C-alpha atoms as a PDB file:
ATOM      1  CA  MET A   1     -34.905 -20.030  13.669  1.00  0.00           C
ATOM      2  CA  LYS A   2     -36.294 -23.902  13.293  1.00  0.00           C
ATOM      3  CA  PHE A   3     -34.856 -24.308  11.008  1.00  0.00           C
ATOM      4  CA  ILE A   4     -30.972 -23.093  11.767  1.00  0.00           C
ATOM      5  CA  LEU A   5     -31.839 -25.601  14.620  1.00  0.00           C
ATOM      6  CA  ARG A   6     -32.892 -28.024  13.045  1.00  0.00           C
ATOM      7  CA  TRP A   7     -30.008 -27.474  10.570  1.00  0.00           C
ATOM      8  CA  LEU A   8     -27.668 -27.517  13.618  1.00  0.00           C
ATOM      9  CA  GLN A   9     -28.685 -31.026  15.081  1.00  0.00           C
ATOM     10  CA  SER A  10     -28.345 -32.421  11.872  1.00  0.00           C
ATOM     11  CA  LEU A  11     -24.871 -31.642  12.394  1.00  0.00           C
ATOM     12  CA  SER A  12     -21.782 -34.398  13.613  1.00  0.00           C
ATOM     13  CA  THR A  13     -20.048 -33.705  16.880  1.00  0.00           C
ATOM     14  CA  ALA A  14     -16.921 -33.203  14.595  1.00  0.00           C
ATOM     15  CA  TRP A  15     -19.297 -29.859  12.442  1.00  0.00           C
ATOM     16  CA  ILE A  16     -20.052 -28.549  15.689  1.00  0.00           C
ATOM     17  CA  ALA A  17     -16.947 -28.459  16.564  1.00  0.00           C
ATOM     18  CA  ILE A  18     -15.340 -26.520  13.785  1.00  0.00           C
ATOM     19  CA  LEU A  19     -18.293 -24.457  14.000  1.00  0.00           C
ATOM     20  CA  VAL A  20     -16.986 -23.130  17.350  1.00  0.00           C
ATOM     21  CA  LEU A  21     -14.021 -23.047  17.062  1.00  0.00           C
ATOM     22  CA  ALA A  22     -14.681 -20.827  13.907  1.00  0.00           C
ATOM     23  CA  GLY A  23     -16.795 -18.607  15.712  1.00  0.00           C
ATOM     24  CA  THR A  24     -14.945 -18.505  18.630  1.00  0.00           C
ATOM     25  CA  SER A  25     -11.570 -17.232  16.534  1.00  0.00           C
ATOM     26  CA  ILE A  26     -13.787 -14.772  14.395  1.00  0.00           C
ATOM     27  CA  PHE A  27     -14.682 -13.710  18.289  1.00  0.00           C
ATOM     28  CA  VAL A  28     -11.212 -13.399  19.633  1.00  0.00           C
ATOM     29  CA  ALA A  29      -9.647 -11.770  15.730  1.00  0.00           C
ATOM     30  CA  GLY A  30     -12.864  -9.000  16.105  1.00  0.00           C
ATOM     31  CA  SER A  31     -11.552  -8.378  19.544  1.00  0.00           C
ATOM     32  CA  VAL A  32      -8.449  -7.978  19.482  1.00  0.00           C
ATOM     33  CA  THR A  33      -8.507  -6.206  16.126  1.00  0.00           C
ATOM     34  CA  ALA A  34     -10.855  -4.101  18.449  1.00  0.00           C
ATOM     35  CA  TYR A  35      -8.272  -3.530  21.514  1.00  0.00           C
ATOM     36  CA  ARG A  36      -6.043  -2.596  19.147  1.00  0.00           C
ATOM     37  CA  THR A  37      -7.633   0.341  17.381  1.00  0.00           C
ATOM     38  CA  TYR A  38      -8.903   1.650  20.543  1.00  0.00           C
ATOM     39  CA  ASP A  39      -5.484   1.219  21.815  1.00  0.00           C
ATOM     40  CA  TYR A  40      -4.053   3.560  18.629  1.00  0.00           C
ATOM     41  CA  ILE A  41      -6.564   5.992  19.208  1.00  0.00           C
ATOM     42  CA  GLU A  42      -6.289   6.571  22.782  1.00  0.00           C
ATOM     43  CA  HIS A  43      -2.963   6.309  23.742  1.00  0.00           C
ATOM     44  CA  ASP A  44      -0.962   6.796  20.069  1.00  0.00           C
ATOM     45  CA  ASN A  45       0.778  10.307  19.221  1.00  0.00           C
ATOM     46  CA  ASP A  46       0.762   8.843  16.051  1.00  0.00           C
ATOM     47  CA  PHE A  47      -2.997   8.861  15.665  1.00  0.00           C
ATOM     48  CA  CYS A  48      -3.094  12.777  15.816  1.00  0.00           C
ATOM     49  CA  MET A  49      -0.020  13.012  13.882  1.00  0.00           C
ATOM     50  CA  SER A  50      -2.512  11.488  11.482  1.00  0.00           C
ATOM     51  CA  CYS A  51      -4.800  14.812  10.714  1.00  0.00           C
ATOM     52  CA  HIS A  52      -2.298  16.628   8.324  1.00  0.00           C
ATOM     53  CA  LEU A  53      -2.613  20.258  10.036  1.00  0.00           C
ATOM     54  CA  MET A  54      -1.435  19.016  13.137  1.00  0.00           C
ATOM     55  CA  ALA A  55       2.867  18.461  11.928  1.00  0.00           C
ATOM     56  CA  GLU A  56       3.145  21.922  12.944  1.00  0.00           C
ATOM     57  CA  PRO A  57       1.738  22.190  16.475  1.00  0.00           C
ATOM     58  CA  PHE A  58       2.961  18.738  17.085  1.00  0.00           C
ATOM     59  CA  GLU A  59       6.298  20.151  16.849  1.00  0.00           C
ATOM     60  CA  ARG A  60       5.683  22.647  18.945  1.00  0.00           C
ATOM     61  CA  PHE A  61       4.639  19.993  21.519  1.00  0.00           C
ATOM     62  CA  GLY A  62       7.707  17.923  20.620  1.00  0.00           C
ATOM     63  CA  GLN A  63       9.548  20.784  22.134  1.00  0.00           C
ATOM     64  CA  SER A  64       7.742  21.806  24.990  1.00  0.00           C
ATOM     65  CA  ALA A  65       7.568  20.587  28.259  1.00  0.00           C
ATOM     66  CA  HIS A  66       4.456  18.539  28.359  1.00  0.00           C
ATOM     67  CA  ARG A  67       6.376  16.345  25.241  1.00  0.00           C
ATOM     68  CA  ASP A  68       6.076  13.435  27.441  1.00  0.00           C
ATOM     69  CA  LEU A  69       2.419  13.337  27.728  1.00  0.00           C
ATOM     70  CA  GLY A  70       0.017  11.338  25.238  1.00  0.00           C
ATOM     71  CA  CYS A  71      -2.127  13.779  23.205  1.00  0.00           C
ATOM     72  CA  LYS A  72      -5.537  12.717  25.044  1.00  0.00           C
ATOM     73  CA  ALA A  73      -3.501  14.255  28.112  1.00  0.00           C
ATOM     74  CA  CYS A  74      -5.181  17.218  28.118  1.00  0.00           C
ATOM     75  CA  HIS A  75      -7.256  16.890  24.672  1.00  0.00           C
ATOM     76  CA  CYS A  76      -9.953  14.253  26.663  1.00  0.00           C
ATOM     77  CA  LEU A  77     -13.564  15.522  27.234  1.00  0.00           C
ATOM     78  CA  LEU A  78     -13.647  14.138  30.404  1.00  0.00           C
ATOM     79  CA  TYR A  79     -11.376  16.772  31.648  1.00  0.00           C
ATOM     80  CA  THR A  80     -11.830  19.724  29.312  1.00  0.00           C
ATOM     81  CA  SER A  81     -15.262  20.039  29.060  1.00  0.00           C
ATOM     82  CA  PRO A  82     -17.055  22.299  31.747  1.00  0.00           C
ATOM     83  CA  SER A  83     -18.743  20.046  34.887  1.00  0.00           C
ATOM     84  CA  PRO A  84     -22.445  19.299  34.328  1.00  0.00           C
ATOM     85  CA  ARG A  85     -23.078  20.645  37.718  1.00  0.00           C
ATOM     86  CA  ASP A  86     -20.931  23.725  36.967  1.00  0.00           C
ATOM     87  CA  ARG A  87     -20.502  24.909  33.516  1.00  0.00           C
ATOM     88  CA  THR A  88     -18.124  27.439  34.621  1.00  0.00           C
ATOM     89  CA  ARG A  89     -15.331  25.417  35.573  1.00  0.00           C
ATOM     90  CA  SER A  90     -12.669  22.854  33.663  1.00  0.00           C
ATOM     91  CA  ARG A  91     -12.926  19.571  35.367  1.00  0.00           C
ATOM     92  CA  MET A  92      -9.294  19.786  34.395  1.00  0.00           C
ATOM     93  CA  PRO A  93      -7.110  17.734  37.163  1.00  0.00           C
ATOM     94  CA  SER A  94      -4.591  20.516  38.917  1.00  0.00           C
ATOM     95  CA  SER A  95      -1.273  17.588  38.352  1.00  0.00           C
ATOM     96  CA  ALA A  96      -2.000  18.044  34.378  1.00  0.00           C
END
């Protein structure tokens, strides 16, 4: 750790600025990539269709009254799993 601190102190201001800019750029690019991946997995029905087993069910889904919903509206563990307080009832909202 001391070696890294001594090395950073020996750098000119311009090099420190370049390192900060590069680190910030890498952080921003990683954050954007992570968010886009999260958004694709959580909100895009194409993610569900990436599994070859989903072609027929997705066709039926597209013809149903629920076609405007995202896959996660029904297949989210928060709503479909039993409540920790009551293992016999679903927590699915009544409006879904």
